[in-house]
PDB file of N, CA and C in Angstrom:
ATOM      1  N   MET A   1     102.888 122.090  88.620  1.00  0.00           N
ATOM      2  CA  MET A   1     103.111 121.976  89.691  1.00  0.00           C
ATOM      3  C   MET A   1     102.074 119.901  89.494  1.00  0.00           C
ATOM      4  N   ARG A   2     102.226 119.731  90.280  1.00  0.00           N
ATOM      5  CA  ARG A   2     101.989 118.302  90.748  1.00  0.00           C
ATOM      6  C   ARG A   2     101.568 118.490  92.261  1.00  0.00           C
ATOM      7  N   PHE A   3      99.900 117.990  92.253  1.00  0.00           N
ATOM      8  CA  PHE A   3      99.660 117.528  93.682  1.00  0.00           C
ATOM      9  C   PHE A   3      98.670 116.127  93.982  1.00  0.00           C
ATOM     10  N   LYS A   4      98.546 115.942  95.061  1.00  0.00           N
ATOM     11  CA  LYS A   4      98.325 114.889  96.080  1.00  0.00           C
ATOM     12  C   LYS A   4      96.881 115.284  96.640  1.00  0.00           C
ATOM     13  N   LEU A   5      95.866 114.692  96.388  1.00  0.00           N
ATOM     14  CA  LEU A   5      94.796 114.676  97.740  1.00  0.00           C
ATOM     15  C   LEU A   5      94.928 113.981  98.929  1.00  0.00           C
ATOM     16  N   LEU A   6      95.009 114.367 100.067  1.00  0.00           N
ATOM     17  CA  LEU A   6      94.969 113.866 100.879  1.00  0.00           C
ATOM     18  C   LEU A   6      93.692 113.494 101.766  1.00  0.00           C
ATOM     19  N   ILE A   7      92.766 112.636 102.262  1.00  0.00           N
ATOM     20  CA  ILE A   7      91.667 112.424 103.057  1.00  0.00           C
ATOM     21  C   ILE A   7      91.828 111.739 104.186  1.00  0.00           C
ATOM     22  N   ALA A   8      91.811 112.886 104.782  1.00  0.00           N
ATOM     23  CA  ALA A   8      91.349 111.884 106.583  1.00  0.00           C
ATOM     24  C   ALA A   8      90.263 112.070 107.159  1.00  0.00           C
ATOM     25  N   PHE A   9      90.256 110.495 107.448  1.00  0.00           N
ATOM     26  CA  PHE A   9      88.760 111.027 108.150  1.00  0.00           C
ATOM     27  C   PHE A   9      89.440 110.124 109.637  1.00  0.00           C
ATOM     28  N   VAL A  10      88.979 111.608 110.886  1.00  0.00           N
ATOM     29  CA  VAL A  10      89.207 111.782 111.583  1.00  0.00           C
ATOM     30  C   VAL A  10      88.010 111.724 113.005  1.00  0.00           C
ATOM     31  N   GLU A  11      88.547 110.976 114.006  1.00  0.00           N
ATOM     32  CA  GLU A  11      87.451 111.409 115.355  1.00  0.00           C
ATOM     33  C   GLU A  11      87.159 112.507 115.423  1.00  0.00           C
ATOM     34  N   ASP A  12      86.114 113.352 115.405  1.00  0.00           N
ATOM     35  CA  ASP A  12      85.926 114.953 116.081  1.00  0.00           C
ATOM     36  C   ASP A  12      86.669 115.273 116.904  1.00  0.00           C
ATOM     37  N   SER A  13      86.929 114.934 117.616  1.00  0.00           N
ATOM     38  CA  SER A  13      87.998 115.767 119.277  1.00  0.00           C
ATOM     39  C   SER A  13      88.862 115.478 117.778  1.00  0.00           C
ATOM     40  N   LYS A  14      89.872 115.103 117.540  1.00  0.00           N
ATOM     41  CA  LYS A  14      90.957 114.942 117.596  1.00  0.00           C
ATOM     42  C   LYS A  14      91.018 115.979 116.102  1.00  0.00           C
ATOM     43  N   THR A  15      90.397 116.299 115.416  1.00  0.00           N
ATOM     44  CA  THR A  15      90.055 117.116 114.095  1.00  0.00           C
ATOM     45  C   THR A  15      91.126 118.433 114.442  1.00  0.00           C
ATOM     46  N   ASP A  16      90.938 118.991 114.992  1.00  0.00           N
ATOM     47  CA  ASP A  16      92.395 120.829 115.378  1.00  0.00           C
ATOM     48  C   ASP A  16      93.394 120.343 115.554  1.00  0.00           C
ATOM     49  N   ALA A  17      94.093 119.275 116.178  1.00  0.00           N
ATOM     50  CA  ALA A  17      95.247 118.692 116.628  1.00  0.00           C
ATOM     51  C   ALA A  17      95.703 118.443 114.522  1.00  0.00           C
ATOM     52  N   VAL A  18      94.958 117.425 113.880  1.00  0.00           N
ATOM     53  CA  VAL A  18      95.065 117.333 112.669  1.00  0.00           C
ATOM     54  C   VAL A  18      95.304 118.239 111.911  1.00  0.00           C
ATOM     55  N   MET A  19      94.202 119.426 112.102  1.00  0.00           N
ATOM     56  CA  MET A  19      94.523 120.488 110.960  1.00  0.00           C
ATOM     57  C   MET A  19      96.099 121.083 111.292  1.00  0.00           C
ATOM     58  N   LYS A  20      96.700 121.606 112.583  1.00  0.00           N
ATOM     59  CA  LYS A  20      97.438 122.090 112.481  1.00  0.00           C
ATOM     60  C   LYS A  20      98.505 121.477 112.619  1.00  0.00           C
ATOM     61  N   ALA A  21      98.620 119.662 113.017  1.00  0.00           N
ATOM     62  CA  ALA A  21      99.857 119.311 112.370  1.00  0.00           C
ATOM     63  C   ALA A  21     100.313 119.410 110.996  1.00  0.00           C
ATOM     64  N   ALA A  22      98.968 119.449 110.372  1.00  0.00           N
ATOM     65  CA  ALA A  22      99.412 119.754 108.540  1.00  0.00           C
ATOM     66  C   ALA A  22      99.737 120.848 108.226  1.00  0.00           C
ATOM     67  N   ARG A  23      98.652 122.015 109.014  1.00  0.00           N
ATOM     68  CA  ARG A  23      99.186 123.027 108.242  1.00  0.00           C
ATOM     69  C   ARG A  23     100.776 123.709 108.682  1.00  0.00           C
ATOM     70  N   GLU A  24     100.892 123.004 110.044  1.00  0.00           N
ATOM     71  CA  GLU A  24     102.975 123.629 109.915  1.00  0.00           C
ATOM     72  C   GLU A  24     103.755 122.783 109.638  1.00  0.00           C
ATOM     73  N   ALA A  25     103.078 121.585 108.554  1.00  0.00           N
ATOM     74  CA  ALA A  25     104.020 120.294 107.422  1.00  0.00           C
ATOM     75  C   ALA A  25     103.941 121.109 106.378  1.00  0.00           C
ATOM     76  N   GLY A  26     102.950 121.836 105.766  1.00  0.00           N
ATOM     77  CA  GLY A  26     102.974 122.497 105.054  1.00  0.00           C
ATOM     78  C   GLY A  26     101.759 122.447 104.279  1.00  0.00           C
ATOM     79  N   ALA A  27     100.703 121.750 104.345  1.00  0.00           N
ATOM     80  CA  ALA A  27      99.173 122.307 103.830  1.00  0.00           C
ATOM     81  C   ALA A  27      99.125 123.594 103.768  1.00  0.00           C
ATOM     82  N   THR A  28      98.123 124.435 103.056  1.00  0.00           N
ATOM     83  CA  THR A  28      97.431 125.678 103.007  1.00  0.00           C
ATOM     84  C   THR A  28      96.315 125.814 103.235  1.00  0.00           C
ATOM     85  N   GLY A  29      95.547 124.609 103.069  1.00  0.00           N
ATOM     86  CA  GLY A  29      94.268 124.963 103.508  1.00  0.00           C
ATOM     87  C   GLY A  29      93.446 122.957 103.303  1.00  0.00           C
ATOM     88  N   SER A  30      92.245 123.643 103.675  1.00  0.00           N
ATOM     89  CA  SER A  30      91.577 121.872 103.747  1.00  0.00           C
ATOM     90  C   SER A  30      90.280 121.984 103.539  1.00  0.00           C
ATOM     91  N   THR A  31      89.526 121.748 104.000  1.00  0.00           N
ATOM     92  CA  THR A  31      88.419 121.226 103.576  1.00  0.00           C
ATOM     93  C   THR A  31      87.858 120.321 104.093  1.00  0.00           C
ATOM     94  N   ILE A  32      86.734 120.470 105.753  1.00  0.00           N
ATOM     95  CA  ILE A  32      85.796 119.396 106.181  1.00  0.00           C
ATOM     96  C   ILE A  32      84.610 119.172 106.341  1.00  0.00           C
ATOM     97  N   ILE A  33      84.364 117.699 106.576  1.00  0.00           N
ATOM     98  CA  ILE A  33      83.074 116.966 106.249  1.00  0.00           C
ATOM     99  C   ILE A  33      82.443 116.856 107.392  1.00  0.00           C
ATOM    100  N   ASN A  34      81.680 117.548 108.025  1.00  0.00           N
ATOM    101  CA  ASN A  34      81.355 116.921 109.468  1.00  0.00           C
ATOM    102  C   ASN A  34      80.500 115.441 109.455  1.00  0.00           C
ATOM    103  N   ASN A  35      80.345 115.027 110.812  1.00  0.00           N
ATOM    104  CA  ASN A  35      79.315 114.303 111.133  1.00  0.00           C
ATOM    105  C   ASN A  35      79.176 112.929 110.215  1.00  0.00           C
ATOM    106  N   ALA A  36      80.587 112.848 109.746  1.00  0.00           N
ATOM    107  CA  ALA A  36      80.451 111.222 108.632  1.00  0.00           C
ATOM    108  C   ALA A  36      80.438 110.043 109.709  1.00  0.00           C
ATOM    109  N   ARG A  37      80.449 109.154 109.069  1.00  0.00           N
ATOM    110  CA  ARG A  37      79.700 107.660 110.309  1.00  0.00           C
ATOM    111  C   ARG A  37      81.171 106.977 109.115  1.00  0.00           C
ATOM    112  N   GLY A  38      81.525 105.769 110.288  1.00  0.00           N
ATOM    113  CA  GLY A  38      82.300 104.388 109.442  1.00  0.00           C
ATOM    114  C   GLY A  38      82.113 103.624 110.650  1.00  0.00           C
ATOM    115  N   GLU A  39      83.015 102.115 110.071  1.00  0.00           N
ATOM    116  CA  GLU A  39      82.801 101.254 111.303  1.00  0.00           C
ATOM    117  C   GLU A  39      84.644 100.451 110.341  1.00  0.00           C
ATOM    118  N   GLY A  40      84.741  99.743 111.637  1.00  0.00           N
ATOM    119  CA  GLY A  40      86.098  99.270 111.615  1.00  0.00           C
ATOM    120  C   GLY A  40      85.998  98.311 111.622  1.00  0.00           C
ATOM    121  N   VAL A  41      87.363  97.357 111.500  1.00  0.00           N
ATOM    122  CA  VAL A  41      87.009  95.703 111.562  1.00  0.00           C
ATOM    123  C   VAL A  41      86.118  95.055 112.466  1.00  0.00           C
ATOM    124  N   LYS A  42      85.686  95.446 113.666  1.00  0.00           N
ATOM    125  CA  LYS A  42      84.757  94.922 114.454  1.00  0.00           C
ATOM    126  C   LYS A  42      83.735  96.316 115.075  1.00  0.00           C
ATOM    127  N   ALA A  43      82.533  95.505 114.716  1.00  0.00           N
ATOM    128  CA  ALA A  43      81.266  97.013 114.699  1.00  0.00           C
ATOM    129  C   ALA A  43      81.115  97.252 115.901  1.00  0.00           C
ATOM    130  N   LYS A  44      80.567  98.344 115.858  1.00  0.00           N
ATOM    131  CA  LYS A  44      81.011  99.076 116.907  1.00  0.00           C
ATOM    132  C   LYS A  44      79.461  98.843 117.753  1.00  0.00           C
ATOM    133  N   LYS A  45      78.887  98.729 119.483  1.00  0.00           N
ATOM    134  CA  LYS A  45      78.463  98.569 120.104  1.00  0.00           C
ATOM    135  C   LYS A  45      76.821 100.083 120.307  1.00  0.00           C
ATOM    136  N   THR A  46      76.104  98.643 120.599  1.00  0.00           N
ATOM    137  CA  THR A  46      75.023  99.607 120.627  1.00  0.00           C
ATOM    138  C   THR A  46      74.272  99.516 121.776  1.00  0.00           C
ATOM    139  N   PHE A  47      73.516 100.548 121.794  1.00  0.00           N
ATOM    140  CA  PHE A  47      72.618 100.545 123.189  1.00  0.00           C
ATOM    141  C   PHE A  47      71.303 100.430 122.903  1.00  0.00           C
ATOM    142  N   LEU A  48      70.526  99.502 123.091  1.00  0.00           N
ATOM    143  CA  LEU A  48      68.964  99.975 122.755  1.00  0.00           C
ATOM    144  C   LEU A  48      68.323 100.515 120.768  1.00  0.00           C
ATOM    145  N   GLY A  49      69.838  99.836 120.181  1.00  0.00           N
ATOM    146  CA  GLY A  49      70.114 100.529 119.112  1.00  0.00           C
ATOM    147  C   GLY A  49      70.314 101.514 118.996  1.00  0.00           C
ATOM    148  N   LEU A  50      70.654 102.408 119.714  1.00  0.00           N
ATOM    149  CA  LEU A  50      71.693 103.414 119.043  1.00  0.00           C
ATOM    150  C   LEU A  50      72.736 103.284 118.870  1.00  0.00           C
ATOM    151  N   SER A  51      73.645 103.531 117.951  1.00  0.00           N
ATOM    152  CA  SER A  51      75.153 103.917 117.645  1.00  0.00           C
ATOM    153  C   SER A  51      75.975 104.259 119.007  1.00  0.00           C
ATOM    154  N   LEU A  52      76.638 103.262 119.358  1.00  0.00           N
ATOM    155  CA  LEU A  52      77.725 104.656 120.714  1.00  0.00           C
ATOM    156  C   LEU A  52      79.260 104.903 120.130  1.00  0.00           C
ATOM    157  N   GLU A  53      79.227 105.058 118.599  1.00  0.00           N
ATOM    158  CA  GLU A  53      79.920 105.494 118.338  1.00  0.00           C
ATOM    159  C   GLU A  53      80.433 107.353 118.117  1.00  0.00           C
ATOM    160  N   THR A  54      81.669 107.056 117.899  1.00  0.00           N
ATOM    161  CA  THR A  54      82.265 108.451 117.905  1.00  0.00           C
ATOM    162  C   THR A  54      81.448 109.400 117.005  1.00  0.00           C
ATOM    163  N   GLN A  55      81.344 110.939 116.651  1.00  0.00           N
ATOM    164  CA  GLN A  55      81.488 111.086 115.898  1.00  0.00           C
ATOM    165  C   GLN A  55      82.767 111.208 114.945  1.00  0.00           C
ATOM    166  N   ARG A  56      83.278 111.576 113.986  1.00  0.00           N
ATOM    167  CA  ARG A  56      84.225 111.535 112.438  1.00  0.00           C
ATOM    168  C   ARG A  56      83.798 112.800 111.617  1.00  0.00           C
ATOM    169  N   ASP A  57      84.646 112.913 111.092  1.00  0.00           N
ATOM    170  CA  ASP A  57      85.121 114.561 110.830  1.00  0.00           C
ATOM    171  C   ASP A  57      85.560 113.419 109.557  1.00  0.00           C
ATOM    172  N   VAL A  58      85.647 114.186 108.195  1.00  0.00           N
ATOM    173  CA  VAL A  58      86.372 113.992 106.936  1.00  0.00           C
ATOM    174  C   VAL A  58      87.279 115.236 106.753  1.00  0.00           C
ATOM    175  N   ILE A  59      88.883 115.245 106.289  1.00  0.00           N
ATOM    176  CA  ILE A  59      89.319 116.439 106.368  1.00  0.00           C
ATOM    177  C   ILE A  59      89.769 116.007 104.616  1.00  0.00           C
ATOM    178  N   LEU A  60      89.508 117.161 103.510  1.00  0.00           N
ATOM    179  CA  LEU A  60      90.673 117.067 102.253  1.00  0.00           C
ATOM    180  C   LEU A  60      91.530 118.129 102.124  1.00  0.00           C
ATOM    181  N   PHE A  61      92.860 117.808 102.171  1.00  0.00           N
ATOM    182  CA  PHE A  61      93.347 118.105 101.964  1.00  0.00           C
ATOM    183  C   PHE A  61      94.334 117.938 100.413  1.00  0.00           C
ATOM    184  N   LEU A  62      94.755 119.382  99.640  1.00  0.00           N
ATOM    185  CA  LEU A  62      95.521 119.576  98.307  1.00  0.00           C
ATOM    186  C   LEU A  62      96.480 119.861  98.338  1.00  0.00           C
ATOM    187  N   VAL A  63      97.305 119.189  98.412  1.00  0.00           N
ATOM    188  CA  VAL A  63      99.013 119.479  98.869  1.00  0.00           C
ATOM    189  C   VAL A  63      99.609 118.892  97.663  1.00  0.00           C
ATOM    190  N   GLU A  64     100.823 119.867  97.345  1.00  0.00           N
ATOM    191  CA  GLU A  64     101.980 119.435  96.575  1.00  0.00           C
ATOM    192  C   GLU A  64     103.037 118.190  97.262  1.00  0.00           C
ATOM    193  N   GLN A  65     102.638 117.577  95.558  1.00  0.00           N
ATOM    194  CA  GLN A  65     103.259 116.368  95.449  1.00  0.00           C
ATOM    195  C   GLN A  65     104.735 116.196  96.568  1.00  0.00           C
ATOM    196  N   HIS A  66     105.650 117.229  97.054  1.00  0.00           N
ATOM    197  CA  HIS A  66     106.577 116.904  97.858  1.00  0.00           C
ATOM    198  C   HIS A  66     106.553 117.118  98.924  1.00  0.00           C
ATOM    199  N   LEU A  67     105.257 117.823  99.263  1.00  0.00           N
ATOM    200  CA  LEU A  67     104.879 118.183 100.864  1.00  0.00           C
ATOM    201  C   LEU A  67     104.338 116.967 101.405  1.00  0.00           C
ATOM    202  N   ALA A  68     103.627 115.852 100.245  1.00  0.00           N
ATOM    203  CA  ALA A  68     102.721 115.029 101.030  1.00  0.00           C
ATOM    204  C   ALA A  68     102.886 114.134 101.657  1.00  0.00           C
ATOM    205  N   ARG A  69     103.842 113.485 101.745  1.00  0.00           N
ATOM    206  CA  ARG A  69     104.359 112.040 102.418  1.00  0.00           C
ATOM    207  C   ARG A  69     104.597 112.375 103.844  1.00  0.00           C
ATOM    208  N   LYS A  70     105.048 114.180 104.117  1.00  0.00           N
ATOM    209  CA  LYS A  70     105.376 114.519 105.409  1.00  0.00           C
ATOM    210  C   LYS A  70     104.663 115.233 106.567  1.00  0.00           C
ATOM    211  N   ILE A  71     103.262 115.414 105.383  1.00  0.00           N
ATOM    212  CA  ILE A  71     101.880 116.291 105.777  1.00  0.00           C
ATOM    213  C   ILE A  71     101.158 114.858 105.957  1.00  0.00           C
ATOM    214  N   LEU A  72     101.230 113.833 105.138  1.00  0.00           N
ATOM    215  CA  LEU A  72     100.476 112.118 105.088  1.00  0.00           C
ATOM    216  C   LEU A  72     100.910 111.963 106.887  1.00  0.00           C
ATOM    217  N   GLU A  73     102.176 111.940 107.329  1.00  0.00           N
ATOM    218  CA  GLU A  73     102.616 111.311 108.258  1.00  0.00           C
ATOM    219  C   GLU A  73     101.734 111.958 109.768  1.00  0.00           C
ATOM    220  N   GLU A  74     102.265 113.370 109.522  1.00  0.00           N
ATOM    221  CA  GLU A  74     102.360 113.836 110.683  1.00  0.00           C
ATOM    222  C   GLU A  74     100.822 114.295 110.332  1.00  0.00           C
ATOM    223  N   ILE A  75      99.908 114.526 109.979  1.00  0.00           N
ATOM    224  CA  ILE A  75      97.883 113.765 110.422  1.00  0.00           C
ATOM    225  C   ILE A  75      98.317 112.441 111.089  1.00  0.00           C
ATOM    226  N   ALA A  76      98.376 111.638 110.860  1.00  0.00           N
ATOM    227  CA  ALA A  76      98.380 110.435 111.421  1.00  0.00           C
ATOM    228  C   ALA A  76      99.030 110.792 112.610  1.00  0.00           C
ATOM    229  N   GLU A  77     100.016 111.162 113.271  1.00  0.00           N
ATOM    230  CA  GLU A  77     100.581 111.728 114.429  1.00  0.00           C
ATOM    231  C   GLU A  77     100.227 112.030 115.339  1.00  0.00           C
ATOM    232  N   ALA A  78      99.318 113.108 114.639  1.00  0.00           N
ATOM    233  CA  ALA A  78      98.141 113.979 115.233  1.00  0.00           C
ATOM    234  C   ALA A  78      96.826 113.152 115.651  1.00  0.00           C
ATOM    235  N   GLY A  79      96.832 112.050 115.102  1.00  0.00           N
ATOM    236  CA  GLY A  79      95.351 111.355 114.787  1.00  0.00           C
ATOM    237  C   GLY A  79      95.721 110.337 116.065  1.00  0.00           C
ATOM    238  N   GLU A  80      96.795 110.116 116.151  1.00  0.00           N
ATOM    239  CA  GLU A  80      97.051 108.640 117.014  1.00  0.00           C
ATOM    240  C   GLU A  80      96.116 107.454 116.160  1.00  0.00           C
ATOM    241  N   PHE A  81      96.881 107.710 114.266  1.00  0.00           N
ATOM    242  CA  PHE A  81      95.903 106.433 113.838  1.00  0.00           C
ATOM    243  C   PHE A  81      96.453 105.069 114.138  1.00  0.00           C
ATOM    244  N   ASP A  82      97.916 105.321 113.945  1.00  0.00           N
ATOM    245  CA  ASP A  82      98.911 103.981 114.846  1.00  0.00           C
ATOM    246  C   ASP A  82      99.148 103.554 116.022  1.00  0.00           C
ATOM    247  N   THR A  83      98.572 104.464 116.973  1.00  0.00           N
ATOM    248  CA  THR A  83      99.161 104.132 118.270  1.00  0.00           C
ATOM    249  C   THR A  83      97.407 103.866 118.978  1.00  0.00           C
ATOM    250  N   SER A  84      96.154 104.372 118.484  1.00  0.00           N
ATOM    251  CA  SER A  84      95.115 104.008 119.361  1.00  0.00           C
ATOM    252  C   SER A  84      94.410 103.544 117.695  1.00  0.00           C
ATOM    253  N   PRO A  85      94.072 102.309 118.244  1.00  0.00           N
ATOM    254  CA  PRO A  85      92.729 101.830 117.467  1.00  0.00           C
ATOM    255  C   PRO A  85      91.630 102.068 116.780  1.00  0.00           C
ATOM    256  N   GLY A  86      91.043 102.322 116.355  1.00  0.00           N
ATOM    257  CA  GLY A  86      89.479 103.259 115.617  1.00  0.00           C
ATOM    258  C   GLY A  86      89.462 104.506 115.551  1.00  0.00           C
ATOM    259  N   THR A  87      91.243 105.088 115.885  1.00  0.00           N
ATOM    260  CA  THR A  87      91.108 106.728 115.566  1.00  0.00           C
ATOM    261  C   THR A  87      90.534 107.541 114.829  1.00  0.00           C
ATOM    262  N   GLY A  88      91.047 106.374 113.878  1.00  0.00           N
ATOM    263  CA  GLY A  88      90.812 107.405 111.875  1.00  0.00           C
ATOM    264  C   GLY A  88      92.255 106.837 110.993  1.00  0.00           C
ATOM    265  N   ILE A  89      91.844 107.169 109.784  1.00  0.00           N
ATOM    266  CA  ILE A  89      92.782 106.801 108.856  1.00  0.00           C
ATOM    267  C   ILE A  89      93.027 108.287 108.092  1.00  0.00           C
ATOM    268  N   VAL A  90      94.217 107.333 107.078  1.00  0.00           N
ATOM    269  CA  VAL A  90      94.466 109.065 106.066  1.00  0.00           C
ATOM    270  C   VAL A  90      95.058 107.894 104.946  1.00  0.00           C
ATOM    271  N   ILE A  91      94.193 108.382 103.919  1.00  0.00           N
ATOM    272  CA  ILE A  91      94.985 108.031 102.808  1.00  0.00           C
ATOM    273  C   ILE A  91      95.011 109.276 101.680  1.00  0.00           C
ATOM    274  N   GLN A  92      95.925 108.649 101.177  1.00  0.00           N
ATOM    275  CA  GLN A  92      96.228 110.044  99.492  1.00  0.00           C
ATOM    276  C   GLN A  92      96.122 109.479  98.421  1.00  0.00           C
ATOM    277  N   LEU A  93      95.888 110.120  97.275  1.00  0.00           N
ATOM    278  CA  LEU A  93      95.216 109.699  96.027  1.00  0.00           C
ATOM    279  C   LEU A  93      96.066 110.968  94.696  1.00  0.00           C
ATOM    280  N   ASP A  94      96.823 110.505  94.013  1.00  0.00           N
ATOM    281  CA  ASP A  94      96.885 111.353  92.956  1.00  0.00           C
ATOM    282  C   ASP A  94      95.949 112.377  92.750  1.00  0.00           C
ATOM    283  N   VAL A  95      96.207 113.033  91.733  1.00  0.00           N
ATOM    284  CA  VAL A  95      95.643 114.247  91.507  1.00  0.00           C
ATOM    285  C   VAL A  95      95.990 114.434  90.112  1.00  0.00           C
ATOM    286  N   GLU A  96      94.763 114.496  88.844  1.00  0.00           N
ATOM    287  CA  GLU A  96      95.315 114.188  87.602  1.00  0.00           C
ATOM    288  C   GLU A  96      95.179 116.357  86.961  1.00  0.00           C
ATOM    289  N   ASP A  97      94.281 116.944  87.642  1.00  0.00           N
ATOM    290  CA  ASP A  97      94.438 118.516  87.942  1.00  0.00           C
ATOM    291  C   ASP A  97      93.728 119.137  88.497  1.00  0.00           C
ATOM    292  N   ALA A  98      94.064 120.518  88.673  1.00  0.00           N
ATOM    293  CA  ALA A  98      93.145 120.607  89.909  1.00  0.00           C
ATOM    294  C   ALA A  98      93.517 122.493  89.004  1.00  0.00           C
ATOM    295  N   LEU A  99      92.357 123.104  89.297  1.00  0.00           N
ATOM    296  CA  LEU A  99      91.745 124.467  89.310  1.00  0.00           C
ATOM    297  C   LEU A  99      91.542 125.666  90.113  1.00  0.00           C
ATOM    298  N   GLY A 100      91.739 126.507  90.483  1.00  0.00           N
ATOM    299  CA  GLY A 100      91.112 127.013  91.632  1.00  0.00           C
ATOM    300  C   GLY A 100      92.504 127.498  92.854  1.00  0.00           C
ATOM    301  N   VAL A 101      93.656 126.823  91.771  1.00  0.00           N
ATOM    302  CA  VAL A 101      94.706 127.111  93.442  1.00  0.00           C
ATOM    303  C   VAL A 101      95.334 127.904  92.318  1.00  0.00           C
ATOM    304  N   SER A 102      95.526 128.759  91.363  1.00  0.00           N
ATOM    305  CA  SER A 102      96.785 128.989  91.250  1.00  0.00           C
ATOM    306  C   SER A 102      97.290 130.653  92.706  1.00  0.00           C
ATOM    307  N   HIS A 103      96.499 131.011  93.165  1.00  0.00           N
ATOM    308  CA  HIS A 103      96.604 131.938  94.144  1.00  0.00           C
ATOM    309  C   HIS A 103      97.839 131.096  95.186  1.00  0.00           C
ATOM    310  N   GLN A 104      97.587 130.025  95.094  1.00  0.00           N
ATOM    311  CA  GLN A 104      98.254 129.192  96.708  1.00  0.00           C
ATOM    312  C   GLN A 104     100.114 128.385  95.223  1.00  0.00           C
ATOM    313  N   ILE A 105      99.925 128.235  94.240  1.00  0.00           N
ATOM    314  CA  ILE A 105     100.630 128.023  93.746  1.00  0.00           C
ATOM    315  C   ILE A 105     102.042 129.132  93.964  1.00  0.00           C
ATOM    316  N   GLU A 106     102.169 130.117  94.151  1.00  0.00           N
ATOM    317  CA  GLU A 106     102.772 131.004  94.306  1.00  0.00           C
ATOM    318  C   GLU A 106     103.852 130.608  95.700  1.00  0.00           C
ATOM    319  N   GLU A 107     102.585 130.694  96.383  1.00  0.00           N
ATOM    320  CA  GLU A 107     103.099 130.562  98.012  1.00  0.00           C
ATOM    321  C   GLU A 107     103.766 128.615  98.012  1.00  0.00           C
ATOM    322  N   LEU A 108     103.013 127.656  97.313  1.00  0.00           N
ATOM    323  CA  LEU A 108     103.321 126.626  97.681  1.00  0.00           C
ATOM    324  C   LEU A 108     105.264 126.802  96.001  1.00  0.00           C
ATOM    325  N   ALA A 109     105.333 127.523  95.390  1.00  0.00           N
ATOM    326  CA  ALA A 109     107.139 127.138  94.677  1.00  0.00           C
ATOM    327  C   ALA A 109     107.624 127.871  96.014  1.00  0.00           C
ATOM    328  N   ASN A 110     107.891 128.578  97.051  1.00  0.00           N
ATOM    329  CA  ASN A 110     108.785 128.735  97.701  1.00  0.00           C
ATOM    330  C   ASN A 110     109.160 127.340  98.795  1.00  0.00           C
ATOM    331  N   ILE A 111     108.189 127.421  98.969  1.00  0.00           N
ATOM    332  CA  ILE A 111     107.786 126.064 100.251  1.00  0.00           C
ATOM    333  C   ILE A 111     108.403 124.578  99.864  1.00  0.00           C
ATOM    334  N   VAL A 112     108.029 124.486  98.734  1.00  0.00           N
ATOM    335  CA  VAL A 112     108.509 123.107  98.040  1.00  0.00           C
ATOM    336  C   VAL A 112     110.449 123.456  97.367  1.00  0.00           C
ATOM    337  N   GLU A 113     110.832 124.974  97.167  1.00  0.00           N
ATOM    338  CA  GLU A 113     112.231 124.638  97.091  1.00  0.00           C
ATOM    339  C   GLU A 113     112.924 125.030  97.519  1.00  0.00           C
ATOM    340  N   GLU A 114     112.610 125.174  99.221  1.00  0.00           N
ATOM    341  CA  GLU A 114     113.298 125.159 100.337  1.00  0.00           C
ATOM    342  C   GLU A 114     113.102 123.688 101.153  1.00  0.00           C
ATOM    343  N   GLU A 115     112.107 122.630 100.300  1.00  0.00           N
ATOM    344  CA  GLU A 115     112.173 121.609 101.109  1.00  0.00           C
ATOM    345  C   GLU A 115     113.488 120.759 100.655  1.00  0.00           C
ATOM    346  N   LEU A 116     113.251 120.520  98.567  1.00  0.00           N
ATOM    347  CA  LEU A 116     114.268 120.041  97.965  1.00  0.00           C
ATOM    348  C   LEU A 116     116.338 120.731  98.475  1.00  0.00           C
TER     349      LEU A 116
END
């Protein structure tokens, strides 16, 4: 079984919605890294040297390759990435190998068979 790693950089107020959408699209788990910071094309405004930016979360999803695109699109929709500038991005990377996921492979095999 082949996997993809989806990495979502999400406005913290949208984390729960993104997690729910990913799970409904077939993601079986995730890892959340809180309190990330980032900057887009334009630098965020400051007030007396203090940043006014919102907190970000980084969410990692290890997903089966046949489900990856659907999950990617659902994450982007739930996070409003294409409709509201600065709300976040999601990227997909190939995973060469993964250990510790044998318990998920059984469940994923059934899901992927239904999708194909």
